[in-house]
N, C-alpha and C. Protein backbone atom coordinates (compact mmCIF):
# COMPACT_ATOMS: atom_id res chain seq x y z
N MET A 1 68.78 142.88 309.53
CA MET A 1 69.78 143.40 310.45
C MET A 1 70.08 142.09 311.30
N ARG A 2 69.09 141.23 311.30
CA ARG A 2 69.22 140.02 312.07
C ARG A 2 70.00 138.83 311.23
N VAL A 3 69.73 139.11 310.11
CA VAL A 3 70.43 137.83 309.43
C VAL A 3 71.99 138.32 309.06
N MET A 4 72.18 139.46 308.65
CA MET A 4 73.58 140.03 308.43
C MET A 4 73.93 140.74 309.73
N ASN A 5 74.47 139.71 310.50
CA ASN A 5 74.90 140.38 311.90
C ASN A 5 76.36 140.12 311.84
N PRO A 6 76.83 140.99 312.81
CA PRO A 6 78.56 140.76 312.72
C PRO A 6 79.05 139.25 312.97
N GLY A 7 78.51 138.22 313.47
CA GLY A 7 78.62 137.03 313.23
C GLY A 7 79.19 136.28 312.32
N LEU A 8 78.48 137.16 311.04
CA LEU A 8 78.86 136.61 309.56
C LEU A 8 80.14 136.99 308.99
N GLN A 9 80.88 138.07 309.80
CA GLN A 9 81.99 138.69 309.11
C GLN A 9 82.91 137.61 309.05
N GLN A 10 83.07 136.25 309.67
CA GLN A 10 84.00 135.25 309.50
C GLN A 10 83.62 134.53 308.39
N TYR A 11 82.33 134.29 308.17
CA TYR A 11 81.78 133.55 306.86
C TYR A 11 82.27 134.44 305.69
N CYS A 12 81.92 135.64 305.82
CA CYS A 12 82.37 136.51 304.51
C CYS A 12 83.81 136.48 304.08
N ALA A 13 84.70 136.38 305.23
CA ALA A 13 86.15 136.14 304.85
C ALA A 13 86.47 135.05 304.44
N GLU A 14 85.71 133.61 304.67
CA GLU A 14 85.98 132.38 304.33
C GLU A 14 85.21 132.38 302.82
N HIS A 15 84.30 132.98 302.25
CA HIS A 15 83.70 133.13 301.05
C HIS A 15 83.91 134.30 300.53
N LYS A 16 85.14 134.57 300.14
CA LYS A 16 85.53 135.99 299.47
C LYS A 16 84.38 136.38 298.43
N ASP A 17 84.51 135.19 297.36
CA ASP A 17 84.03 135.64 296.13
C ASP A 17 82.41 135.80 296.22
N ARG A 18 81.71 135.27 297.45
CA ARG A 18 80.28 135.77 297.67
C ARG A 18 80.17 136.81 298.31
N ALA A 19 81.05 137.27 299.21
CA ALA A 19 81.10 138.73 299.67
C ALA A 19 81.14 139.68 298.48
N TYR A 20 81.66 139.43 297.47
CA TYR A 20 82.03 140.42 296.49
C TYR A 20 81.03 140.34 295.43
N PHE A 21 80.84 139.16 295.12
CA PHE A 21 79.80 138.92 293.79
C PHE A 21 78.49 138.15 294.12
N GLY A 22 78.10 137.96 295.29
CA GLY A 22 76.98 137.58 295.59
C GLY A 22 75.88 138.55 295.51
N THR A 23 74.58 138.10 296.17
CA THR A 23 73.45 138.78 296.22
C THR A 23 73.24 139.88 297.50
N ALA A 24 74.26 140.07 298.27
CA ALA A 24 73.84 140.91 299.46
C ALA A 24 73.72 142.08 298.96
N PRO A 25 72.68 142.81 299.69
CA PRO A 25 72.27 144.07 299.32
C PRO A 25 73.23 145.24 299.64
N THR A 26 73.14 146.14 298.85
CA THR A 26 74.13 147.12 298.90
C THR A 26 73.57 148.32 300.17
N LEU A 27 74.31 149.05 300.58
CA LEU A 27 74.01 150.25 301.48
C LEU A 27 72.86 150.94 301.37
N VAL A 28 72.90 151.14 299.82
CA VAL A 28 72.17 152.05 299.26
C VAL A 28 70.60 151.25 299.10
N ILE A 29 70.77 150.27 298.71
CA ILE A 29 69.47 149.20 298.60
C ILE A 29 68.71 149.05 300.05
N LEU A 30 69.54 149.01 301.32
CA LEU A 30 68.90 148.85 302.47
C LEU A 30 68.10 150.11 302.68
N ARG A 31 68.64 151.39 302.05
CA ARG A 31 68.19 152.54 302.47
C ARG A 31 66.88 152.80 301.86
N HIS A 32 66.87 152.37 300.30
CA HIS A 32 65.81 152.31 299.60
C HIS A 32 64.61 151.34 300.00
N ALA A 33 64.99 150.08 300.17
CA ALA A 33 64.25 149.19 300.58
C ALA A 33 63.28 149.06 301.94
N TYR A 34 64.12 149.63 302.81
CA TYR A 34 63.62 149.64 303.86
C TYR A 34 63.07 151.30 304.46
N HIS A 35 64.13 152.08 304.85
CA HIS A 35 63.98 153.51 304.96
C HIS A 35 65.31 154.19 304.95
N ASP A 36 65.36 155.47 305.03
CA ASP A 36 66.55 156.14 304.91
C ASP A 36 67.54 155.93 305.97
N GLU A 37 67.25 155.39 307.17
CA GLU A 37 68.14 155.12 308.26
C GLU A 37 68.41 153.58 308.46
N ALA A 38 68.05 152.68 307.49
CA ALA A 38 68.41 151.45 307.57
C ALA A 38 69.93 151.16 307.75
N ALA A 39 70.68 151.43 306.67
CA ALA A 39 71.99 151.39 306.60
C ALA A 39 72.83 151.86 307.83
N THR A 40 72.35 153.07 308.32
CA THR A 40 72.95 153.54 309.52
C THR A 40 72.56 153.16 310.51
N MET A 41 71.30 152.33 310.76
CA MET A 41 71.09 151.39 311.77
C MET A 41 71.65 150.24 311.71
N TRP A 42 72.25 149.59 310.47
CA TRP A 42 72.75 148.41 310.47
C TRP A 42 74.31 148.29 310.80
N LEU A 43 74.87 149.53 310.34
CA LEU A 43 76.14 149.50 310.75
C LEU A 43 76.95 149.62 311.94
N PRO A 44 76.12 150.49 312.99
CA PRO A 44 76.64 150.28 314.34
C PRO A 44 77.11 149.04 315.13
N PRO A 45 76.07 148.11 314.82
CA PRO A 45 76.34 146.97 315.67
C PRO A 45 77.78 146.22 315.13
N GLN A 46 77.92 146.41 313.72
CA GLN A 46 79.35 145.97 313.10
C GLN A 46 80.20 146.66 313.45
N LEU A 47 80.16 148.02 313.52
CA LEU A 47 81.43 148.83 313.96
C LEU A 47 81.75 148.59 315.56
N TYR A 48 80.64 148.69 316.43
CA TYR A 48 80.64 148.22 317.58
C TYR A 48 81.49 146.98 318.08
N ASP A 49 81.18 145.77 317.06
CA ASP A 49 82.01 144.80 317.45
C ASP A 49 83.36 144.86 316.85
N LEU A 50 83.62 145.72 316.08
CA LEU A 50 85.25 145.86 315.83
C LEU A 50 85.81 146.59 317.12
N CYS A 51 84.82 147.33 317.70
CA CYS A 51 85.66 148.32 318.88
C CYS A 51 85.87 147.55 319.92
N GLU A 52 84.70 146.65 320.38
CA GLU A 52 84.69 145.21 321.16
C GLU A 52 86.09 144.40 321.02
N TYR A 53 86.30 144.15 319.71
CA TYR A 53 87.38 143.27 319.65
C TYR A 53 88.71 143.69 319.74
N CYS A 54 88.75 145.07 319.42
CA CYS A 54 90.02 145.73 319.61
C CYS A 54 90.66 145.96 320.86
N GLY A 55 89.46 146.05 322.03
CA GLY A 55 89.79 145.90 323.48
C GLY A 55 90.52 147.08 323.81
N VAL A 56 90.36 148.26 323.06
CA VAL A 56 91.28 149.62 323.51
C VAL A 56 90.23 150.15 324.76
N LYS A 57 91.03 151.10 325.40
CA LYS A 57 90.27 151.67 326.50
C LYS A 57 89.23 152.59 326.26
N GLU A 58 89.64 153.55 324.98
CA GLU A 58 88.28 154.50 324.71
C GLU A 58 87.79 154.01 323.29
N LYS A 59 86.56 153.57 323.77
CA LYS A 59 85.72 152.89 322.40
C LYS A 59 84.86 154.30 321.85
N LEU A 60 84.51 153.96 320.76
CA LEU A 60 83.45 154.96 319.96
C LEU A 60 82.26 155.14 320.86
N ASP A 61 81.95 156.36 321.28
CA ASP A 61 80.40 156.65 321.80
C ASP A 61 79.27 156.52 320.77
N LYS A 62 78.08 156.65 321.19
CA LYS A 62 77.26 156.48 320.25
C LYS A 62 77.11 157.48 319.32
N ASN A 63 77.22 158.86 319.66
CA ASN A 63 77.51 159.87 318.70
C ASN A 63 78.46 159.53 317.56
N GLN A 64 79.66 159.03 317.86
CA GLN A 64 80.75 158.81 316.96
C GLN A 64 80.39 157.49 316.10
N LEU A 65 79.64 156.35 316.60
CA LEU A 65 79.36 155.46 315.91
C LEU A 65 78.17 155.69 314.86
N LYS A 66 77.26 156.60 315.11
CA LYS A 66 76.52 156.92 314.48
C LYS A 66 76.78 158.09 313.22
N GLN A 67 77.77 158.76 313.58
CA GLN A 67 78.58 159.82 312.43
C GLN A 67 79.15 158.86 311.52
N LEU A 68 79.97 157.94 311.98
CA LEU A 68 80.86 156.99 311.41
C LEU A 68 80.03 156.06 310.65
N ALA A 69 78.89 155.55 311.09
CA ALA A 69 77.72 154.85 310.17
C ALA A 69 77.39 155.63 309.16
N ARG A 70 76.88 156.93 309.29
CA ARG A 70 76.44 157.89 308.35
C ARG A 70 77.44 158.21 307.35
N THR A 71 78.67 158.23 307.76
CA THR A 71 79.92 158.46 306.68
C THR A 71 80.10 157.38 305.57
N ILE A 72 80.02 156.30 306.36
CA ILE A 72 80.41 154.96 305.58
C ILE A 72 79.20 154.89 304.54
N ALA A 73 78.01 154.78 305.15
CA ALA A 73 76.81 154.98 304.21
C ALA A 73 76.55 155.80 303.03
N SER A 74 77.31 157.02 303.29
CA SER A 74 76.85 158.06 302.48
C SER A 74 78.25 157.92 301.46
N GLU A 75 79.25 157.67 301.86
CA GLU A 75 80.80 157.98 301.11
C GLU A 75 80.82 156.36 300.12
N PHE A 76 80.21 155.26 300.90
CA PHE A 76 80.41 153.96 300.26
C PHE A 76 79.11 153.20 300.31
N GLY A 77 78.15 153.68 299.71
CA GLY A 77 77.06 153.16 299.86
C GLY A 77 76.67 152.14 298.90
N PHE A 78 77.90 152.12 297.56
CA PHE A 78 77.54 151.01 296.66
C PHE A 78 78.00 149.80 297.09
N LEU A 79 78.75 149.76 298.38
CA LEU A 79 79.28 148.82 298.72
C LEU A 79 78.10 147.42 299.44
N LYS A 80 78.40 146.50 299.17
CA LYS A 80 77.16 145.22 299.73
C LYS A 80 77.55 145.28 301.24
N VAL A 81 76.66 144.97 302.02
CA VAL A 81 76.90 144.61 303.48
C VAL A 81 77.92 143.54 303.77
N SER A 82 77.86 142.50 302.82
CA SER A 82 79.01 141.45 303.01
C SER A 82 80.43 142.06 302.79
N GLU A 83 80.43 142.78 302.03
CA GLU A 83 81.79 143.74 301.48
C GLU A 83 82.21 144.43 303.19
N ILE A 84 81.25 145.07 303.63
CA ILE A 84 81.59 145.86 304.67
C ILE A 84 82.18 144.80 305.82
N MET A 85 81.31 143.70 306.05
CA MET A 85 81.63 142.62 306.97
C MET A 85 82.88 142.10 306.59
N LEU A 86 83.36 141.61 305.10
CA LEU A 86 84.91 141.70 304.80
C LEU A 86 85.68 142.36 305.53
N PHE A 87 85.54 143.64 305.00
CA PHE A 87 86.35 144.66 305.34
C PHE A 87 86.61 144.83 307.09
N LEU A 88 85.82 144.54 307.75
CA LEU A 88 85.83 144.75 309.01
C LEU A 88 86.74 143.43 309.72
N HIS A 89 86.20 142.24 309.01
CA HIS A 89 87.14 141.12 309.19
C HIS A 89 88.64 141.36 309.23
N HIS A 90 89.07 141.82 307.88
CA HIS A 90 90.11 142.02 307.47
C HIS A 90 90.81 143.14 308.66
N PHE A 91 90.19 144.09 308.83
CA PHE A 91 90.66 145.17 309.83
C PHE A 91 90.88 144.04 311.26
N LYS A 92 89.79 143.43 311.76
CA LYS A 92 90.13 142.65 312.92
C LYS A 92 91.65 141.54 312.88
N ALA A 93 91.85 141.26 311.48
CA ALA A 93 93.02 140.43 311.29
C ALA A 93 94.37 141.20 311.15
N GLY A 94 94.33 142.48 311.18
CA GLY A 94 95.39 143.39 311.31
C GLY A 94 96.08 144.02 309.97
N ARG A 95 95.02 143.51 308.96
CA ARG A 95 95.66 143.99 307.67
C ARG A 95 95.87 145.77 307.54
N TYR A 96 95.07 146.21 308.23
CA TYR A 96 95.02 147.83 307.98
C TYR A 96 95.51 148.49 309.24
N GLY A 97 96.48 148.03 310.00
CA GLY A 97 96.76 148.62 311.16
C GLY A 97 96.17 148.37 312.48
N ARG A 98 96.35 149.28 313.39
CA ARG A 98 95.92 148.96 314.68
C ARG A 98 95.55 150.34 315.38
N PHE A 99 94.86 150.21 316.26
CA PHE A 99 94.52 151.38 317.13
C PHE A 99 95.46 151.39 318.61
N TYR A 100 95.73 152.46 318.92
CA TYR A 100 96.57 152.58 320.00
C TYR A 100 95.89 153.48 321.10
N GLY A 101 95.21 152.87 322.04
CA GLY A 101 94.26 153.66 323.01
C GLY A 101 93.20 153.83 322.99
N ALA A 102 92.62 154.13 321.63
CA ALA A 102 91.40 154.80 321.17
C ALA A 102 90.75 154.30 319.89
N ILE A 103 90.08 154.01 319.62
CA ILE A 103 89.10 153.67 318.24
C ILE A 103 89.14 155.15 317.63
N ASP A 104 89.74 155.48 316.35
CA ASP A 104 89.92 156.54 315.85
C ASP A 104 88.94 156.19 314.33
N PRO A 105 87.75 156.99 314.23
CA PRO A 105 86.98 157.07 313.01
C PRO A 105 87.75 157.02 311.94
N MET A 106 88.89 158.11 311.69
CA MET A 106 89.50 158.24 310.44
C MET A 106 90.24 157.23 310.21
N ILE A 107 90.72 156.39 311.09
CA ILE A 107 91.72 155.16 310.58
C ILE A 107 90.79 154.05 309.97
N ILE A 108 89.48 154.04 310.14
CA ILE A 108 88.45 153.24 309.69
C ILE A 108 88.20 153.58 308.28
N ILE A 109 87.94 155.07 308.22
CA ILE A 109 87.59 155.34 306.75
C ILE A 109 88.52 155.41 306.04
N MET A 110 89.88 155.68 306.57
CA MET A 110 91.03 155.55 305.47
C MET A 110 91.60 154.40 305.12
N ALA A 111 91.50 153.43 306.14
CA ALA A 111 91.69 151.98 305.59
C ALA A 111 90.48 151.31 304.63
N LEU A 112 89.49 151.97 304.73
CA LEU A 112 88.16 151.38 303.85
C LEU A 112 88.42 152.06 302.57
N ARG A 113 89.02 153.33 302.60
CA ARG A 113 89.00 154.36 301.18
C ARG A 113 90.34 153.51 300.60
N GLN A 114 91.50 153.50 301.29
CA GLN A 114 92.79 153.36 300.57
C GLN A 114 93.10 151.95 300.30
N ASN A 115 92.91 150.96 301.41
CA ASN A 115 93.36 149.64 301.47
C ASN A 115 92.26 148.77 300.84
N PHE A 116 90.95 148.86 301.44
CA PHE A 116 89.95 147.82 300.93
C PHE A 116 89.29 148.17 299.33
N MET A 117 89.34 149.47 299.29
CA MET A 117 88.93 149.60 297.71
C MET A 117 89.80 149.24 296.75
N HIS A 118 91.08 149.30 297.00
CA HIS A 118 92.18 148.87 296.12
C HIS A 118 91.96 147.30 295.96
N GLU A 119 91.81 146.75 297.11
CA GLU A 119 91.92 145.11 297.25
C GLU A 119 90.70 144.58 296.30
N ARG A 120 89.34 145.34 296.59
CA ARG A 120 88.28 145.12 295.67
C ARG A 120 88.18 145.57 294.31
N ALA A 121 88.94 146.38 293.94
CA ALA A 121 88.98 146.70 292.62
C ALA A 121 90.10 145.86 291.85
N ALA A 122 91.13 145.10 292.61
CA ALA A 122 91.97 144.25 292.12
C ALA A 122 91.10 142.88 291.98
N THR A 123 90.23 142.48 292.92
CA THR A 123 89.53 141.25 292.97
C THR A 123 88.33 141.20 291.66
N ILE A 124 87.80 142.49 291.64
CA ILE A 124 86.72 142.72 290.37
C ILE A 124 87.42 142.30 289.18
N GLU A 125 88.64 143.19 288.83
CA GLU A 125 89.40 143.20 287.77
C GLU A 125 89.67 141.59 287.26
N LYS A 126 90.58 140.88 288.47
CA LYS A 126 90.91 139.60 288.19
C LYS A 126 89.60 139.00 287.66
N ARG A 127 88.35 138.90 288.00
CA ARG A 127 87.50 138.31 287.93
C ARG A 127 86.81 138.42 286.48
N GLU A 128 86.86 139.86 286.06
CA GLU A 128 86.47 140.36 285.07
C GLU A 128 87.36 139.99 283.63
N CYS A 129 88.82 139.82 284.15
CA CYS A 129 89.78 139.37 282.96
C CYS A 129 89.58 137.70 283.03
N ALA A 130 89.33 137.19 284.32
CA ALA A 130 89.15 135.83 283.81
C ALA A 130 87.72 135.25 283.02
N GLU A 131 86.69 136.09 283.17
CA GLU A 131 85.76 135.83 282.51
C GLU A 131 85.80 136.46 281.04
N ARG A 132 86.43 137.17 280.70
CA ARG A 132 86.84 137.64 279.46
C ARG A 132 87.74 136.68 278.46
N GLN A 133 88.73 136.15 279.48
CA GLN A 133 89.53 135.03 278.97
C GLN A 133 88.69 133.64 278.58
N ALA A 134 87.66 133.43 279.50
CA ALA A 134 86.72 132.09 279.06
C ALA A 134 85.83 132.49 277.90
N GLU A 135 85.35 133.74 277.74
CA GLU A 135 84.50 134.07 276.75
C GLU A 135 85.38 133.73 275.46
N TRP A 136 86.81 134.34 275.28
CA TRP A 136 87.54 134.09 274.20
C TRP A 136 87.83 132.69 273.86
N GLN A 137 88.08 132.00 274.91
CA GLN A 137 88.36 130.29 274.81
C GLN A 137 87.15 129.89 274.27
N ALA A 138 85.85 130.20 274.75
CA ALA A 138 84.54 129.78 274.08
C ALA A 138 84.44 129.88 272.71
N HIS A 139 84.86 131.12 272.27
CA HIS A 139 84.71 131.69 270.81
C HIS A 139 85.74 130.79 270.23
N CYS A 140 86.82 130.39 270.61
CA CYS A 140 87.87 129.92 269.50
C CYS A 140 87.46 128.57 269.47
N ARG A 141 86.83 128.14 270.51
CA ARG A 141 86.44 126.51 270.51
C ARG A 141 85.18 126.44 269.63
N LEU A 142 84.29 127.55 269.44
CA LEU A 142 83.32 127.32 268.64
C LEU A 142 83.51 127.63 267.20
N VAL A 143 84.69 128.53 266.91
CA VAL A 143 85.14 128.65 265.61
C VAL A 143 86.13 127.59 265.03
N ALA A 144 86.65 126.68 265.85
CA ALA A 144 87.41 125.67 265.47
C ALA A 144 86.33 124.63 265.23
N GLU A 145 85.24 124.32 266.07
CA GLU A 145 84.14 123.18 265.71
C GLU A 145 83.48 123.60 264.32
N GLN A 146 83.05 124.96 263.86
CA GLN A 146 82.42 125.07 262.77
C GLN A 146 83.74 125.10 261.76
N ARG A 147 84.83 125.41 261.59
CA ARG A 147 85.75 125.01 260.77
C ARG A 147 85.95 123.47 260.72
N ALA A 148 85.99 122.59 261.56
CA ALA A 148 85.93 121.02 261.31
C ALA A 148 84.52 120.59 260.71
N GLN A 149 83.47 121.29 260.91
CA GLN A 149 82.32 120.57 260.41
C GLN A 149 82.34 121.16 259.03
N ALA A 150 82.94 122.35 258.57
CA ALA A 150 82.78 122.99 257.34
C ALA A 150 83.80 121.75 256.29
N ARG A 151 85.04 121.71 257.00
CA ARG A 151 85.85 120.92 256.43
C ARG A 151 85.22 119.30 256.17
N ALA A 152 84.56 118.65 257.05
CA ALA A 152 84.02 117.35 256.98
C ALA A 152 82.95 117.44 255.92
N ALA A 153 82.20 118.56 255.76
CA ALA A 153 81.29 118.67 254.76
C ALA A 153 82.00 118.86 253.30
N GLY A 154 82.89 119.24 253.32
CA GLY A 154 83.58 119.54 251.82
C GLY A 154 83.44 120.76 251.67
N ARG A 155 83.31 121.88 252.30
CA ARG A 155 82.93 123.36 251.91
C ARG A 155 83.76 124.12 252.63
N PRO A 156 84.13 125.14 251.99
CA PRO A 156 85.03 126.23 253.02
C PRO A 156 84.52 127.00 253.69
N MET A 157 85.21 127.13 255.26
CA MET A 157 84.86 127.83 256.48
C MET A 157 83.89 129.22 256.08
N TYR A 158 84.85 129.81 255.13
CA TYR A 158 84.39 131.45 254.50
C TYR A 158 84.27 131.21 253.34
N PRO A 159 83.35 132.08 252.68
CA PRO A 159 83.05 132.16 251.10
C PRO A 159 84.18 132.62 250.40
N ARG A 160 84.41 132.13 249.34
CA ARG A 160 85.47 133.09 248.66
C ARG A 160 85.12 134.29 248.35
N MET A 161 86.35 135.22 248.13
CA MET A 161 86.02 136.64 248.15
C MET A 161 85.90 137.16 246.51
N ASP A 162 86.34 136.02 245.57
CA ASP A 162 86.26 136.55 244.17
C ASP A 162 85.21 136.01 243.53
N THR A 163 84.13 135.59 244.19
CA THR A 163 82.99 135.18 243.76
C THR A 163 81.72 135.79 244.31
N PRO A 164 80.73 136.18 243.52
CA PRO A 164 79.84 137.21 244.06
C PRO A 164 79.23 136.50 245.20
N PRO A 165 78.59 137.30 246.30
CA PRO A 165 77.56 136.35 247.25
C PRO A 165 76.26 135.85 246.55
N ASP A 166 75.78 134.97 247.26
CA ASP A 166 74.91 134.12 246.73
C ASP A 166 73.39 135.06 246.91
N PRO A 167 72.71 135.49 246.35
CA PRO A 167 71.35 136.42 246.61
C PRO A 167 70.47 135.70 247.61
N HIS A 168 70.33 134.30 247.57
CA HIS A 168 69.33 133.55 248.24
C HIS A 168 69.97 133.16 249.60
């Protein structure tokens, strides 16, 4: 809780790849590694920081903070703590709307579900596509090298189909 404090939200925003693909624990891992309430204990300071930042008159009370933390932990337990911090930074940056007079937990949940999860899916898909492309290019380079070596050695790259395979 001390290491992944609200002050790191800016760092997560500046290092998005690390936030999405790094080794930060998920909310479920927090719960299993420490105790059942670990995630719901880590989230309120993060959420309170958002409330303070927004400067609205009516902030979330302790009960609302706790319920919101439980909802996020149960609905989005697969998210890494770094991803939650990235989401909160994006919220502060105005990507997901704003509050009028009071913090609304439903707006936070809807922004997480409807906006951030789509951004996250697109980021993951883009990375997976790039990885597949890199694998394909590596495969093509390997085949080209094997063909060049076979050609240099005076042998065909692939055995001829009209001759029986060598039993040895």
